[in-house]
């Protein structure tokens, strides 16, 4: 009877550089996890995030290990209900493509503001957050007409509700750096709009080079009624030049047009049907 002999554990020789890799697939990318010791000129592994690089598609995944998210902060109004006017107002889990859009924006900013500063050689436009931090969940708020409501994405689970990936970029950076706090008051040393509170999002975008994400709204409501061909519509305009002659005021000749030697009597206009008794004649000397 043969016995199974375990494979010997391989250890690097003295002075030999070590590269530990493991392959897996995520979001369609064939990614390779790479961890290099600091003495090789590469950044040391972080306690707060992991970097997963793909040798085929050149995609870099950033996995945030640190999180302040809490599932208890997620919304409760997630049931779809239609009111008597045919409107809805509720939240549902965001579709995969919307969440991926958020992760691309956040991942690109982390690559520029964290990875590059710590020595990683990555292409910012090909970095994506592997997943949202633990406890966070992206929802879509649907409000308005039940068939074509307005749709806005909101990130729940954190101490505040983030209304765009731009707003969460700086908070994600704070998580990637280990959630540092201020020494004097132990408050989060996070420069995001909600933790710091000194600047609005537009100002923060300028200061930190955050590219605003494109707004994703719901479709506009359309009806099935045929459109009016205004080019073939005949408009009836009242002709004010053909008013009822009975309402016109008789014209009176100018005194300068009369002959001074022969006094004239001014009569109503021939076009008028008014009698002379209604308008007595005017005689000029």
Protein backbone atom coordinates (compact mmCIF):
# COMPACT_ATOMS: atom_id res chain seq x y z
CA UNK A 1 0.00 0.00 0.00
CA UNK A 2 1.49 3.34 -1.09
CA UNK A 3 1.42 6.41 1.06
CA UNK A 4 0.96 10.02 0.00
CA UNK A 5 4.01 12.13 0.61
CA UNK A 6 3.27 15.84 1.07
CA UNK A 7 5.10 18.24 -1.22
CA UNK A 8 7.97 20.03 0.44
CA UNK A 9 7.49 23.69 1.34
CA UNK A 10 9.56 25.88 -0.94
CA UNK A 11 11.43 28.74 0.63
CA UNK A 12 13.46 31.37 -1.20
CA UNK A 13 17.22 31.06 -1.02
CA UNK A 14 19.24 33.66 0.77
CA UNK A 15 19.57 36.78 -1.30
CA UNK A 16 16.98 35.59 -3.86
CA UNK A 17 14.08 38.01 -4.51
CA UNK A 18 10.65 36.66 -3.66
CA UNK A 19 7.48 37.18 -5.73
CA UNK A 20 4.27 35.57 -4.52
CA UNK A 21 1.49 35.38 -7.10
CA UNK A 22 -2.00 33.90 -7.22
CA UNK A 23 -4.36 34.06 -10.19
CA UNK A 24 -8.12 34.43 -10.23
CA UNK A 25 -10.86 36.02 -12.31
CA UNK A 26 -12.93 39.04 -11.25
CA UNK A 27 -15.28 41.18 -13.36
CA UNK A 28 -14.03 39.35 -16.43
CA UNK A 29 -10.39 40.26 -15.74
CA UNK A 30 -7.70 37.60 -15.38
CA UNK A 31 -6.00 39.19 -12.41
CA UNK A 32 -2.81 38.25 -10.63
CA UNK A 33 -2.24 39.18 -7.02
CA UNK A 34 1.29 40.44 -6.55
CA UNK A 35 3.06 41.09 -3.27
CA UNK A 36 6.68 42.20 -3.34
CA UNK A 37 9.02 42.87 -0.43
CA UNK A 38 10.08 46.45 -0.03
CA UNK A 39 13.77 45.66 -0.66
CA UNK A 40 12.98 45.00 -4.35
CA UNK A 41 12.16 48.64 -4.97
CA UNK A 42 8.41 48.01 -4.89
CA UNK A 43 6.00 49.32 -2.25
CA UNK A 44 5.44 47.11 0.76
CA UNK A 45 1.99 45.52 1.19
CA UNK A 46 -0.51 47.74 2.96
CA UNK A 47 -2.61 46.69 5.92
CA UNK A 48 -5.54 48.71 4.60
CA UNK A 49 -5.78 47.80 0.91
CA UNK A 50 -4.61 45.20 -1.56
CA UNK A 51 -3.51 45.72 -5.17
CA UNK A 52 -4.39 43.08 -7.76
CA UNK A 53 -2.82 43.53 -11.19
CA UNK A 54 -3.75 41.78 -14.42
CA UNK A 55 -0.95 40.83 -16.77
CA UNK A 56 -3.32 40.37 -19.72
CA UNK A 57 -5.74 43.31 -19.70
CA UNK A 58 -3.45 45.63 -17.70
CA UNK A 59 -6.32 46.25 -15.26
CA UNK A 60 -5.50 47.03 -11.63
CA UNK A 61 -8.02 46.13 -8.94
CA UNK A 62 -7.89 47.91 -5.59
CA UNK A 63 -9.39 46.03 -2.68
CA UNK A 64 -10.08 48.18 0.39
CA UNK A 65 -9.66 46.12 3.55
CA UNK A 66 -10.37 48.99 5.89
CA UNK A 67 -13.96 50.18 6.29
CA UNK A 68 -16.19 52.22 8.57
CA UNK A 69 -19.35 50.88 6.93
CA UNK A 70 -22.26 49.45 8.88
CA UNK A 71 -25.12 47.47 7.34
CA UNK A 72 -27.48 48.90 9.99
CA UNK A 73 -27.23 52.28 8.27
CA UNK A 74 -28.83 51.02 5.09
CA UNK A 75 -32.25 52.37 4.08
CA UNK A 76 -35.50 50.77 5.17
CA UNK A 77 -37.81 52.13 2.45
CA UNK A 78 -37.01 49.55 -0.22
CA UNK A 79 -40.51 48.32 -1.04
CA UNK A 80 -42.04 49.61 -4.26
CA UNK A 81 -45.43 51.22 -3.70
CA UNK A 82 -47.51 53.22 -6.17
CA UNK A 83 -49.66 56.03 -4.77
CA UNK A 84 -53.06 57.15 -6.05
CA UNK A 85 -51.42 59.56 -8.50
CA UNK A 86 -49.34 56.82 -10.10
CA UNK A 87 -46.06 57.92 -8.48
CA UNK A 88 -43.38 55.98 -6.60
CA UNK A 89 -40.76 56.96 -4.02
CA UNK A 90 -38.47 54.17 -2.87
CA UNK A 91 -34.91 52.78 -3.05
CA UNK A 92 -33.67 49.58 -4.63
CA UNK A 93 -30.23 48.01 -4.98
CA UNK A 94 -28.33 49.63 -7.84
CA UNK A 95 -27.73 47.73 -11.03
CA UNK A 96 -24.31 46.21 -11.64
CA UNK A 97 -23.33 48.71 -14.34
CA UNK A 98 -24.08 51.66 -12.05
CA UNK A 99 -22.00 50.21 -9.22
CA UNK A 100 -19.17 49.48 -11.63
CA UNK A 101 -19.24 53.09 -12.79
CA UNK A 102 -18.81 54.21 -9.17
CA UNK A 103 -15.95 51.76 -8.60
CA UNK A 104 -14.14 53.01 -11.71
CA UNK A 105 -14.30 56.64 -10.60
CA UNK A 106 -13.18 55.80 -7.04
CA UNK A 107 -10.47 53.40 -8.19
CA UNK A 108 -8.98 55.92 -10.59
CA UNK A 109 -8.77 58.52 -7.84
CA UNK A 110 -7.17 56.07 -5.39
CA UNK A 111 -4.57 55.16 -8.00
CA UNK A 112 -3.66 58.82 -8.42
CA UNK A 113 -3.80 59.94 -4.80
CA UNK A 114 -2.64 56.81 -2.93
CA UNK A 115 -0.94 54.18 -5.10
CA UNK A 116 1.25 56.55 -7.09
CA UNK A 117 2.31 58.38 -3.92
CA UNK A 118 3.30 55.07 -2.34
CA UNK A 119 5.37 53.93 -5.29
CA UNK A 120 3.00 51.85 -7.39
CA UNK A 121 3.46 52.10 -11.15
CA UNK A 122 -0.14 51.92 -12.37
CA UNK A 123 -2.19 53.52 -15.10
CA UNK A 124 -4.88 55.60 -13.41
CA UNK A 125 -7.47 55.09 -16.12
CA UNK A 126 -7.25 51.30 -15.78
CA UNK A 127 -7.70 51.10 -12.02
CA UNK A 128 -10.99 50.04 -10.49
CA UNK A 129 -12.19 49.39 -6.97
CA UNK A 130 -12.66 45.64 -6.63
CA UNK A 131 -15.76 46.06 -4.47
CA UNK A 132 -17.32 48.62 -2.19
CA UNK A 133 -15.95 48.64 1.36
CA UNK A 134 -17.53 46.24 3.82
CA UNK A 135 -20.88 47.48 5.11
CA UNK A 136 -21.48 49.83 2.15
CA UNK A 137 -24.23 49.32 -0.41
CA UNK A 138 -25.23 51.34 -3.46
CA UNK A 139 -28.93 52.06 -3.98
CA UNK A 140 -30.97 53.76 -6.67
CA UNK A 141 -33.64 56.20 -5.52
CA UNK A 142 -36.65 56.07 -7.81
CA UNK A 143 -39.09 58.94 -7.53
CA UNK A 144 -41.89 60.22 -9.72
CA UNK A 145 -43.93 58.53 -12.42
CA UNK A 146 -44.10 54.80 -11.83
CA UNK A 147 -43.20 53.99 -15.44
CA UNK A 148 -40.33 56.44 -15.94
CA UNK A 149 -39.27 57.74 -12.51
CA UNK A 150 -36.27 59.91 -11.86
CA UNK A 151 -33.32 57.77 -10.73
CA UNK A 152 -30.39 58.88 -8.55
CA UNK A 153 -27.73 56.67 -6.96
CA UNK A 154 -26.83 56.94 -3.26
CA UNK A 155 -24.18 55.09 -1.27
CA UNK A 156 -25.41 53.92 2.15
CA UNK A 157 -23.58 52.32 5.06
CA UNK A 158 -21.17 55.07 6.06
CA UNK A 159 -21.60 57.81 8.65
CA UNK A 160 -23.14 59.91 5.85
CA UNK A 161 -25.04 59.13 2.68
CA UNK A 162 -22.82 59.81 -0.34
CA UNK A 163 -24.69 61.16 -3.34
CA UNK A 164 -22.01 60.67 -6.00
CA UNK A 165 -18.71 58.83 -6.49
CA UNK A 166 -17.00 62.24 -6.35
CA UNK A 167 -18.16 62.68 -2.76
CA UNK A 168 -16.87 59.25 -1.74
CA UNK A 169 -13.42 59.59 -3.39
CA UNK A 170 -11.79 61.45 -0.49
CA UNK A 171 -13.47 59.24 2.10
CA UNK A 172 -12.16 56.15 0.28
CA UNK A 173 -8.67 57.70 0.32
CA UNK A 174 -9.00 58.20 4.08
CA UNK A 175 -9.88 54.52 4.46
CA UNK A 176 -6.95 53.46 2.29
CA UNK A 177 -4.60 55.44 4.54
CA UNK A 178 -5.83 53.70 7.69
CA UNK A 179 -8.58 56.11 8.89
CA UNK A 180 -6.26 58.55 10.69
CA UNK A 181 -7.72 60.80 13.38
CA UNK A 182 -6.77 64.22 14.70
CA UNK A 183 -4.70 64.20 17.85
CA UNK A 184 -6.50 67.07 19.56
CA UNK A 185 -10.09 65.84 19.26
CA UNK A 186 -9.85 62.28 17.90
CA UNK A 187 -12.12 63.18 14.98
CA UNK A 188 -11.54 61.68 11.53
CA UNK A 189 -8.76 63.42 9.67
CA UNK A 190 -10.71 63.01 6.47
CA UNK A 191 -10.96 65.91 3.98
CA UNK A 192 -14.23 64.77 2.43
CA UNK A 193 -17.27 67.03 2.24
CA UNK A 194 -18.98 65.49 5.27
CA UNK A 195 -16.12 64.74 7.65
CA UNK A 196 -14.31 68.04 7.19
CA UNK A 197 -17.24 70.25 6.25
CA UNK A 198 -15.24 73.31 5.23
CA UNK A 199 -15.60 73.06 1.46
CA UNK A 200 -18.30 72.12 -0.98
CA UNK A 201 -17.82 69.35 -3.51
CA UNK A 202 -17.04 71.65 -6.43
CA UNK A 203 -14.19 73.23 -4.47
CA UNK A 204 -12.90 69.82 -3.38
CA UNK A 205 -12.93 68.61 -6.98
CA UNK A 206 -10.69 71.52 -7.95
CA UNK A 207 -8.33 71.13 -4.99
CA UNK A 208 -7.86 67.37 -5.35
CA UNK A 209 -8.21 67.00 -9.11
CA UNK A 210 -11.36 64.89 -8.88
CA UNK A 211 -13.05 64.52 -12.24
CA UNK A 212 -16.81 64.90 -11.67
CA UNK A 213 -18.74 61.82 -12.65
CA UNK A 214 -21.40 62.07 -15.29
CA UNK A 215 -24.87 62.34 -13.82
CA UNK A 216 -27.10 59.38 -14.49
CA UNK A 217 -30.76 60.32 -14.60
CA UNK A 218 -33.80 58.28 -15.42
CA UNK A 219 -35.48 58.49 -18.83
CA UNK A 220 -37.93 61.23 -19.60
CA UNK A 221 -41.57 60.36 -19.82
CA UNK A 222 -42.94 60.11 -23.35
CA UNK A 223 -46.46 59.46 -24.61
CA UNK A 224 -47.71 57.49 -27.56
CA UNK A 225 -49.78 60.34 -29.00
CA UNK A 226 -48.93 61.27 -32.61
CA UNK A 227 -46.93 64.43 -32.95
CA UNK A 228 -48.61 67.44 -34.54
CA UNK A 229 -47.28 68.41 -37.95
CA UNK A 230 -47.26 72.15 -37.42
CA UNK A 231 -46.10 72.79 -40.99
CA UNK A 232 -49.46 71.57 -42.32
CA UNK A 233 -51.66 73.21 -39.71
CA UNK A 234 -53.68 76.15 -41.10
CA UNK A 235 -54.03 78.92 -38.58
CA UNK A 236 -57.02 81.22 -38.90
CA UNK A 237 -56.05 84.79 -38.10
CA UNK A 238 -58.69 87.46 -37.86
CA UNK A 239 -58.34 90.10 -40.55
CA UNK A 240 -58.66 93.38 -38.70
CA UNK A 241 -58.74 95.35 -42.00
CA UNK A 242 -62.26 94.07 -42.61
CA UNK A 243 -64.02 95.23 -39.51
CA UNK A 244 -67.72 95.95 -39.42
CA UNK A 245 -68.08 99.29 -41.18
CA UNK A 246 -70.83 100.32 -38.78
CA UNK A 247 -68.26 100.74 -36.06
CA UNK A 248 -65.83 102.86 -38.05
CA UNK A 249 -65.49 106.59 -37.33
CA UNK A 250 -66.14 108.84 -40.33
CA UNK A 251 -63.13 110.53 -41.75
CA UNK A 252 -62.98 114.33 -41.70
CA UNK A 253 -61.11 116.33 -44.29
CA UNK A 254 -58.29 118.51 -43.09
CA UNK A 255 -59.01 122.25 -42.98
CA UNK A 256 -55.88 122.93 -45.03
CA UNK A 257 -57.28 120.87 -47.88
CA UNK A 258 -60.34 123.14 -48.20
CA UNK A 259 -60.50 126.12 -50.54
CA UNK A 260 -60.56 129.38 -48.53
CA UNK A 261 -62.82 131.12 -51.12
CA UNK A 262 -65.57 128.57 -51.04
CA UNK A 263 -66.63 127.22 -47.66
CA UNK A 264 -67.18 123.52 -47.65
CA UNK A 265 -69.23 121.26 -45.58
CA UNK A 266 -67.52 118.15 -44.29
CA UNK A 267 -69.60 115.02 -44.65
CA UNK A 268 -69.02 111.52 -43.36
CA UNK A 269 -66.90 109.21 -45.47
CA UNK A 270 -68.75 107.64 -48.38
CA UNK A 271 -67.74 104.25 -47.08
CA UNK A 272 -69.63 104.89 -43.88
CA UNK A 273 -73.28 104.00 -43.62
CA UNK A 274 -73.94 106.57 -40.89
CA UNK A 275 -76.50 109.27 -41.63
CA UNK A 276 -75.66 112.97 -41.50
CA UNK A 277 -78.03 113.44 -38.58
CA UNK A 278 -75.76 111.44 -36.40
CA UNK A 279 -72.78 113.63 -37.18
CA UNK A 280 -73.78 117.27 -37.88
CA UNK A 281 -71.80 118.98 -40.60
CA UNK A 282 -68.89 121.20 -39.68
CA UNK A 283 -68.55 124.48 -41.57
CA UNK A 284 -65.31 126.44 -41.76
CA UNK A 285 -65.40 130.22 -42.48
